[in-house]
């Protein structure tokens, strides 16, 4: 009789143990993948729709300040979030009539008011904010009217996370901005990208305000 009672208790306890294990595993998966789920819900069509303004304008250098930092997995950065089939330049910088990298400079005068930097939320390569879309549209309009103008889109990150991770994220930011401009009808040969990761901060501080200003894409320009 006692053996039967012990056996019954063991059988009853097994589902409870399995349930606890599943709950813990599920929680771990959520912690690992919540950023990926957030990204996968975003796309270009929603970007051009009813997004809320998430940043303010401070001489062109004041970006979003959302600070929940959950780094993507390296595999996510490498493969999961494709920007689509955006044509690559027909030649590298310095080849076949395309200016070399040392021929590009920061925009000044009228161009500085058009080629304004755009900013990203923490750990994100998708722009959120209508003011940034307005900048993209103005850049696209200018480039279509000036086919001998070339841009380098630079991708930058804040100081958090490792060097390799930030170089990958900076590359995604630069390529995403380039893709938005090309989708407006700009010649792909007019736009090249480079990622500096966290190596060239605009703001030197180690706080949320500085991080917001450093998560950016900005432009260097060459006109023939």
C-alpha atoms as a PDB file:
ATOM      1  CA  UNK A   1       0.000   0.000   0.000  1.00  0.00           C
ATOM      2  CA  UNK A   2       2.831   2.422   0.912  1.00  0.00           C
ATOM      3  CA  UNK A   3       4.588   1.632  -2.368  1.00  0.00           C
ATOM      4  CA  UNK A   4       1.403   2.471  -4.264  1.00  0.00           C
ATOM      5  CA  UNK A   5       1.116   5.825  -2.452  1.00  0.00           C
ATOM      6  CA  UNK A   6       4.751   6.708  -3.203  1.00  0.00           C
ATOM      7  CA  UNK A   7       4.295   5.752  -6.870  1.00  0.00           C
ATOM      8  CA  UNK A   8       1.158   7.934  -7.074  1.00  0.00           C
ATOM      9  CA  UNK A   9       2.996  10.910  -5.568  1.00  0.00           C
ATOM     10  CA  UNK A  10       5.846  10.546  -8.075  1.00  0.00           C
ATOM     11  CA  UNK A  11       3.453  10.349 -11.020  1.00  0.00           C
ATOM     12  CA  UNK A  12       1.602  13.464  -9.829  1.00  0.00           C
ATOM     13  CA  UNK A  13       4.825  15.409  -9.310  1.00  0.00           C
ATOM     14  CA  UNK A  14       6.185  14.813 -12.826  1.00  0.00           C
ATOM     15  CA  UNK A  15       3.779  17.237 -14.641  1.00  0.00           C
ATOM     16  CA  UNK A  16       4.523  19.911 -12.031  1.00  0.00           C
ATOM     17  CA  UNK A  17       8.298  19.549 -12.562  1.00  0.00           C
ATOM     18  CA  UNK A  18       7.904  19.589 -16.331  1.00  0.00           C
ATOM     19  CA  UNK A  19       5.692  22.674 -16.136  1.00  0.00           C
ATOM     20  CA  UNK A  20       8.274  24.513 -14.010  1.00  0.00           C
ATOM     21  CA  UNK A  21      11.061  23.580 -16.416  1.00  0.00           C
ATOM     22  CA  UNK A  22       9.055  24.730 -19.432  1.00  0.00           C
ATOM     23  CA  UNK A  23       8.237  28.025 -17.794  1.00  0.00           C
ATOM     24  CA  UNK A  24      11.894  28.709 -17.048  1.00  0.00           C
ATOM     25  CA  UNK A  25      12.964  27.769 -20.559  1.00  0.00           C
ATOM     26  CA  UNK A  26      10.225  29.911 -22.057  1.00  0.00           C
ATOM     27  CA  UNK A  27      11.345  32.863 -19.951  1.00  0.00           C
ATOM     28  CA  UNK A  28      14.924  32.448 -21.101  1.00  0.00           C
ATOM     29  CA  UNK A  29      13.851  32.374 -24.725  1.00  0.00           C
ATOM     30  CA  UNK A  30      11.827  35.527 -24.257  1.00  0.00           C
ATOM     31  CA  UNK A  31      14.814  37.322 -22.735  1.00  0.00           C
ATOM     32  CA  UNK A  32      17.017  36.227 -25.635  1.00  0.00           C
ATOM     33  CA  UNK A  33      14.598  37.048 -28.431  1.00  0.00           C
ATOM     34  CA  UNK A  34      12.440  39.979 -27.417  1.00  0.00           C
ATOM     35  CA  UNK A  35      14.617  42.422 -29.357  1.00  0.00           C
ATOM     36  CA  UNK A  36      14.436  40.260 -32.470  1.00  0.00           C
ATOM     37  CA  UNK A  37      10.662  40.118 -32.210  1.00  0.00           C
ATOM     38  CA  UNK A  38      10.524  43.889 -31.908  1.00  0.00           C
ATOM     39  CA  UNK A  39      12.632  44.298 -35.037  1.00  0.00           C
ATOM     40  CA  UNK A  40      10.725  41.787 -37.114  1.00  0.00           C
ATOM     41  CA  UNK A  41       7.504  43.754 -36.637  1.00  0.00           C
ATOM     42  CA  UNK A  42       9.047  46.829 -38.267  1.00  0.00           C
ATOM     43  CA  UNK A  43       9.284  47.448 -41.986  1.00  0.00           C
ATOM     44  CA  UNK A  44       9.699  50.259 -44.442  1.00  0.00           C
ATOM     45  CA  UNK A  45       5.995  50.621 -45.209  1.00  0.00           C
ATOM     46  CA  UNK A  46       5.159  51.258 -41.547  1.00  0.00           C
ATOM     47  CA  UNK A  47       8.069  53.660 -41.346  1.00  0.00           C
ATOM     48  CA  UNK A  48       6.454  55.893 -43.950  1.00  0.00           C
ATOM     49  CA  UNK A  49       3.123  55.682 -42.106  1.00  0.00           C
ATOM     50  CA  UNK A  50       1.907  56.873 -38.738  1.00  0.00           C
ATOM     51  CA  UNK A  51       5.023  56.718 -36.594  1.00  0.00           C
ATOM     52  CA  UNK A  52       5.292  58.973 -33.574  1.00  0.00           C
ATOM     53  CA  UNK A  53       8.091  61.527 -33.392  1.00  0.00           C
ATOM     54  CA  UNK A  54      10.681  60.021 -31.052  1.00  0.00           C
ATOM     55  CA  UNK A  55      13.355  62.694 -31.128  1.00  0.00           C
ATOM     56  CA  UNK A  56      13.826  66.435 -30.918  1.00  0.00           C
ATOM     57  CA  UNK A  57      15.834  68.814 -33.065  1.00  0.00           C
ATOM     58  CA  UNK A  58      18.897  70.417 -31.492  1.00  0.00           C
ATOM     59  CA  UNK A  59      21.007  71.824 -34.333  1.00  0.00           C
ATOM     60  CA  UNK A  60      20.710  68.458 -36.020  1.00  0.00           C
ATOM     61  CA  UNK A  61      22.380  66.484 -33.227  1.00  0.00           C
ATOM     62  CA  UNK A  62      19.786  65.267 -30.783  1.00  0.00           C
ATOM     63  CA  UNK A  63      18.511  61.747 -31.351  1.00  0.00           C
ATOM     64  CA  UNK A  64      16.057  59.399 -29.683  1.00  0.00           C
ATOM     65  CA  UNK A  65      16.785  58.614 -26.052  1.00  0.00           C
ATOM     66  CA  UNK A  66      15.081  55.229 -25.597  1.00  0.00           C
ATOM     67  CA  UNK A  67      17.625  53.418 -23.424  1.00  0.00           C
ATOM     68  CA  UNK A  68      16.536  49.792 -22.985  1.00  0.00           C
ATOM     69  CA  UNK A  69      19.689  48.028 -24.175  1.00  0.00           C
ATOM     70  CA  UNK A  70      19.193  44.379 -25.150  1.00  0.00           C
ATOM     71  CA  UNK A  71      21.878  43.492 -27.715  1.00  0.00           C
ATOM     72  CA  UNK A  72      20.826  41.408 -30.665  1.00  0.00           C
ATOM     73  CA  UNK A  73      22.475  38.047 -31.093  1.00  0.00           C
ATOM     74  CA  UNK A  74      25.370  38.111 -33.559  1.00  0.00           C
ATOM     75  CA  UNK A  75      23.480  35.782 -35.886  1.00  0.00           C
ATOM     76  CA  UNK A  76      20.538  38.194 -35.882  1.00  0.00           C
ATOM     77  CA  UNK A  77      22.790  41.013 -37.012  1.00  0.00           C
ATOM     78  CA  UNK A  78      24.364  38.918 -39.745  1.00  0.00           C
ATOM     79  CA  UNK A  79      21.329  37.359 -41.359  1.00  0.00           C
ATOM     80  CA  UNK A  80      17.911  37.802 -39.827  1.00  0.00           C
ATOM     81  CA  UNK A  81      16.936  41.300 -40.856  1.00  0.00           C
ATOM     82  CA  UNK A  82      17.381  41.678 -44.609  1.00  0.00           C
ATOM     83  CA  UNK A  83      16.934  45.126 -46.133  1.00  0.00           C
ATOM     84  CA  UNK A  84      15.799  43.650 -49.439  1.00  0.00           C
ATOM     85  CA  UNK A  85      17.369  43.622 -52.874  1.00  0.00           C
ATOM     86  CA  UNK A  86      18.855  47.127 -53.016  1.00  0.00           C
ATOM     87  CA  UNK A  87      21.295  47.528 -55.926  1.00  0.00           C
ATOM     88  CA  UNK A  88      24.933  47.884 -54.957  1.00  0.00           C
ATOM     89  CA  UNK A  89      27.207  50.481 -56.612  1.00  0.00           C
ATOM     90  CA  UNK A  90      28.657  49.357 -59.936  1.00  0.00           C
ATOM     91  CA  UNK A  91      32.170  50.153 -58.649  1.00  0.00           C
ATOM     92  CA  UNK A  92      33.999  50.769 -55.397  1.00  0.00           C
ATOM     93  CA  UNK A  93      35.062  54.202 -54.196  1.00  0.00           C
ATOM     94  CA  UNK A  94      37.933  55.448 -56.331  1.00  0.00           C
ATOM     95  CA  UNK A  95      37.108  53.183 -59.278  1.00  0.00           C
ATOM     96  CA  UNK A  96      35.596  53.892 -62.712  1.00  0.00           C
ATOM     97  CA  UNK A  97      34.962  57.585 -62.185  1.00  0.00           C
ATOM     98  CA  UNK A  98      33.601  57.292 -58.641  1.00  0.00           C
ATOM     99  CA  UNK A  99      35.509  59.613 -56.256  1.00  0.00           C
ATOM    100  CA  UNK A 100      37.863  58.128 -53.677  1.00  0.00           C
ATOM    101  CA  UNK A 101      37.070  58.323 -49.974  1.00  0.00           C
ATOM    102  CA  UNK A 102      39.521  61.183 -49.345  1.00  0.00           C
ATOM    103  CA  UNK A 103      37.602  63.370 -51.803  1.00  0.00           C
ATOM    104  CA  UNK A 104      34.521  63.434 -49.568  1.00  0.00           C
ATOM    105  CA  UNK A 105      33.967  66.069 -46.884  1.00  0.00           C
ATOM    106  CA  UNK A 106      31.346  67.111 -44.370  1.00  0.00           C
ATOM    107  CA  UNK A 107      28.559  69.149 -45.990  1.00  0.00           C
ATOM    108  CA  UNK A 108      28.588  72.907 -45.533  1.00  0.00           C
ATOM    109  CA  UNK A 109      26.409  75.851 -46.459  1.00  0.00           C
ATOM    110  CA  UNK A 110      23.143  74.912 -48.156  1.00  0.00           C
ATOM    111  CA  UNK A 111      24.109  71.237 -48.244  1.00  0.00           C
ATOM    112  CA  UNK A 112      24.473  71.141 -44.461  1.00  0.00           C
ATOM    113  CA  UNK A 113      20.785  72.039 -44.139  1.00  0.00           C
ATOM    114  CA  UNK A 114      19.844  69.164 -46.480  1.00  0.00           C
ATOM    115  CA  UNK A 115      22.293  66.443 -45.476  1.00  0.00           C
ATOM    116  CA  UNK A 116      21.402  66.453 -41.799  1.00  0.00           C
ATOM    117  CA  UNK A 117      22.228  63.409 -39.642  1.00  0.00           C
ATOM    118  CA  UNK A 118      19.506  60.971 -38.659  1.00  0.00           C
ATOM    119  CA  UNK A 119      19.350  59.118 -35.349  1.00  0.00           C
ATOM    120  CA  UNK A 120      18.379  55.674 -34.113  1.00  0.00           C
ATOM    121  CA  UNK A 121      16.925  54.181 -30.969  1.00  0.00           C
ATOM    122  CA  UNK A 122      19.101  51.941 -28.833  1.00  0.00           C
ATOM    123  CA  UNK A 123      20.158  48.738 -30.582  1.00  0.00           C
ATOM    124  CA  UNK A 124      18.070  49.603 -33.648  1.00  0.00           C
ATOM    125  CA  UNK A 125      18.788  50.165 -37.338  1.00  0.00           C
ATOM    126  CA  UNK A 126      15.255  51.287 -38.264  1.00  0.00           C
ATOM    127  CA  UNK A 127      14.473  55.009 -38.254  1.00  0.00           C
ATOM    128  CA  UNK A 128      11.465  56.016 -36.171  1.00  0.00           C
ATOM    129  CA  UNK A 129      10.438  59.627 -36.440  1.00  0.00           C
ATOM    130  CA  UNK A 130       8.779  61.608 -39.213  1.00  0.00           C
ATOM    131  CA  UNK A 131      11.418  64.332 -39.070  1.00  0.00           C
ATOM    132  CA  UNK A 132      14.007  61.801 -40.215  1.00  0.00           C
ATOM    133  CA  UNK A 133      11.826  60.731 -43.125  1.00  0.00           C
ATOM    134  CA  UNK A 134      11.589  64.361 -44.165  1.00  0.00           C
ATOM    135  CA  UNK A 135      15.393  64.514 -44.189  1.00  0.00           C
ATOM    136  CA  UNK A 136      15.550  61.343 -46.315  1.00  0.00           C
ATOM    137  CA  UNK A 137      13.058  62.781 -48.793  1.00  0.00           C
ATOM    138  CA  UNK A 138      14.969  66.057 -49.094  1.00  0.00           C
ATOM    139  CA  UNK A 139      18.240  64.205 -49.657  1.00  0.00           C
ATOM    140  CA  UNK A 140      16.626  62.019 -52.324  1.00  0.00           C
ATOM    141  CA  UNK A 141      15.154  65.017 -54.126  1.00  0.00           C
ATOM    142  CA  UNK A 142      18.504  66.797 -54.114  1.00  0.00           C
ATOM    143  CA  UNK A 143      20.458  63.791 -55.401  1.00  0.00           C
ATOM    144  CA  UNK A 144      18.020  63.203 -58.255  1.00  0.00           C
ATOM    145  CA  UNK A 145      18.412  66.838 -59.289  1.00  0.00           C
ATOM    146  CA  UNK A 146      22.221  66.685 -58.944  1.00  0.00           C
ATOM    147  CA  UNK A 147      23.431  63.403 -60.470  1.00  0.00           C
ATOM    148  CA  UNK A 148      27.095  64.416 -60.069  1.00  0.00           C
ATOM    149  CA  UNK A 149      26.751  64.557 -56.288  1.00  0.00           C
ATOM    150  CA  UNK A 150      28.010  61.524 -54.360  1.00  0.00           C
ATOM    151  CA  UNK A 151      27.402  60.612 -50.731  1.00  0.00           C
ATOM    152  CA  UNK A 152      29.008  58.348 -48.192  1.00  0.00           C
ATOM    153  CA  UNK A 153      26.506  57.263 -45.546  1.00  0.00           C
ATOM    154  CA  UNK A 154      28.353  56.670 -42.275  1.00  0.00           C
ATOM    155  CA  UNK A 155      26.895  54.350 -39.639  1.00  0.00           C
ATOM    156  CA  UNK A 156      27.736  55.105 -35.992  1.00  0.00           C
ATOM    157  CA  UNK A 157      26.864  53.571 -32.610  1.00  0.00           C
ATOM    158  CA  UNK A 158      27.142  54.506 -28.963  1.00  0.00           C
ATOM    159  CA  UNK A 159      29.912  53.140 -26.759  1.00  0.00           C
ATOM    160  CA  UNK A 160      28.058  50.161 -25.336  1.00  0.00           C
ATOM    161  CA  UNK A 161      28.675  46.553 -26.501  1.00  0.00           C
ATOM    162  CA  UNK A 162      31.789  45.285 -28.256  1.00  0.00           C
ATOM    163  CA  UNK A 163      33.679  46.608 -31.261  1.00  0.00           C
ATOM    164  CA  UNK A 164      32.659  43.871 -33.711  1.00  0.00           C
ATOM    165  CA  UNK A 165      29.019  44.093 -32.667  1.00  0.00           C
ATOM    166  CA  UNK A 166      28.905  47.859 -33.148  1.00  0.00           C
ATOM    167  CA  UNK A 167      30.655  47.674 -36.525  1.00  0.00           C
ATOM    168  CA  UNK A 168      27.936  45.271 -37.679  1.00  0.00           C
ATOM    169  CA  UNK A 169      25.140  47.452 -36.304  1.00  0.00           C
ATOM    170  CA  UNK A 170      26.689  50.594 -37.819  1.00  0.00           C
ATOM    171  CA  UNK A 171      26.795  48.845 -41.176  1.00  0.00           C
ATOM    172  CA  UNK A 172      23.099  47.964 -40.934  1.00  0.00           C
ATOM    173  CA  UNK A 173      22.242  51.571 -40.096  1.00  0.00           C
ATOM    174  CA  UNK A 174      24.199  52.972 -43.029  1.00  0.00           C
ATOM    175  CA  UNK A 175      22.818  50.406 -45.473  1.00  0.00           C
ATOM    176  CA  UNK A 176      19.271  50.969 -44.256  1.00  0.00           C
ATOM    177  CA  UNK A 177      19.512  54.725 -44.845  1.00  0.00           C
ATOM    178  CA  UNK A 178      21.064  54.104 -48.268  1.00  0.00           C
ATOM    179  CA  UNK A 179      18.222  51.736 -49.163  1.00  0.00           C
ATOM    180  CA  UNK A 180      15.575  54.326 -48.226  1.00  0.00           C
ATOM    181  CA  UNK A 181      17.203  56.925 -50.470  1.00  0.00           C
ATOM    182  CA  UNK A 182      17.596  54.551 -53.414  1.00  0.00           C
ATOM    183  CA  UNK A 183      13.957  53.502 -53.098  1.00  0.00           C
ATOM    184  CA  UNK A 184      13.078  57.136 -53.871  1.00  0.00           C
ATOM    185  CA  UNK A 185      14.658  56.768 -57.321  1.00  0.00           C
ATOM    186  CA  UNK A 186      18.274  57.822 -56.682  1.00  0.00           C
ATOM    187  CA  UNK A 187      21.082  56.230 -58.733  1.00  0.00           C
ATOM    188  CA  UNK A 188      22.756  53.549 -56.537  1.00  0.00           C
ATOM    189  CA  UNK A 189      26.179  54.707 -57.777  1.00  0.00           C
ATOM    190  CA  UNK A 190      25.667  58.015 -55.947  1.00  0.00           C
ATOM    191  CA  UNK A 191      25.585  56.328 -52.532  1.00  0.00           C
ATOM    192  CA  UNK A 192      28.230  54.336 -50.685  1.00  0.00           C
ATOM    193  CA  UNK A 193      28.348  53.238 -47.053  1.00  0.00           C
ATOM    194  CA  UNK A 194      30.885  52.805 -44.291  1.00  0.00           C
ATOM    195  CA  UNK A 195      30.551  51.745 -40.653  1.00  0.00           C
ATOM    196  CA  UNK A 196      32.640  53.256 -37.886  1.00  0.00           C
ATOM    197  CA  UNK A 197      30.863  51.435 -35.058  1.00  0.00           C
ATOM    198  CA  UNK A 198      31.591  53.276 -31.825  1.00  0.00           C
ATOM    199  CA  UNK A 199      34.999  54.618 -32.896  1.00  0.00           C
ATOM    200  CA  UNK A 200      33.943  58.160 -33.912  1.00  0.00           C
ATOM    201  CA  UNK A 201      31.492  59.525 -31.322  1.00  0.00           C
ATOM    202  CA  UNK A 202      30.032  62.972 -31.854  1.00  0.00           C
ATOM    203  CA  UNK A 203      29.422  63.465 -28.127  1.00  0.00           C
ATOM    204  CA  UNK A 204      32.200  62.466 -25.724  1.00  0.00           C
ATOM    205  CA  UNK A 205      30.047  61.837 -22.632  1.00  0.00           C
ATOM    206  CA  UNK A 206      29.160  58.508 -21.041  1.00  0.00           C
ATOM    207  CA  UNK A 207      25.459  59.054 -20.387  1.00  0.00           C
ATOM    208  CA  UNK A 208      22.098  58.683 -22.160  1.00  0.00           C
ATOM    209  CA  UNK A 209      22.274  62.130 -23.788  1.00  0.00           C
ATOM    210  CA  UNK A 210      25.655  61.383 -25.344  1.00  0.00           C
ATOM    211  CA  UNK A 211      24.577  57.905 -26.412  1.00  0.00           C
ATOM    212  CA  UNK A 212      21.519  59.345 -28.164  1.00  0.00           C
ATOM    213  CA  UNK A 213      23.688  61.733 -30.201  1.00  0.00           C
ATOM    214  CA  UNK A 214      26.134  58.983 -31.154  1.00  0.00           C
ATOM    215  CA  UNK A 215      23.578  56.490 -32.517  1.00  0.00           C
ATOM    216  CA  UNK A 216      23.433  58.074 -35.930  1.00  0.00           C
ATOM    217  CA  UNK A 217      24.003  58.015 -39.647  1.00  0.00           C
ATOM    218  CA  UNK A 218      25.533  61.088 -41.174  1.00  0.00           C
ATOM    219  CA  UNK A 219      26.837  62.062 -44.565  1.00  0.00           C
ATOM    220  CA  UNK A 220      29.981  63.052 -46.391  1.00  0.00           C
ATOM    221  CA  UNK A 221      29.625  64.584 -49.815  1.00  0.00           C
ATOM    222  CA  UNK A 222      31.540  65.043 -53.056  1.00  0.00           C
ATOM    223  CA  UNK A 223      30.381  67.124 -56.004  1.00  0.00           C
ATOM    224  CA  UNK A 224      32.041  66.923 -59.425  1.00  0.00           C
END
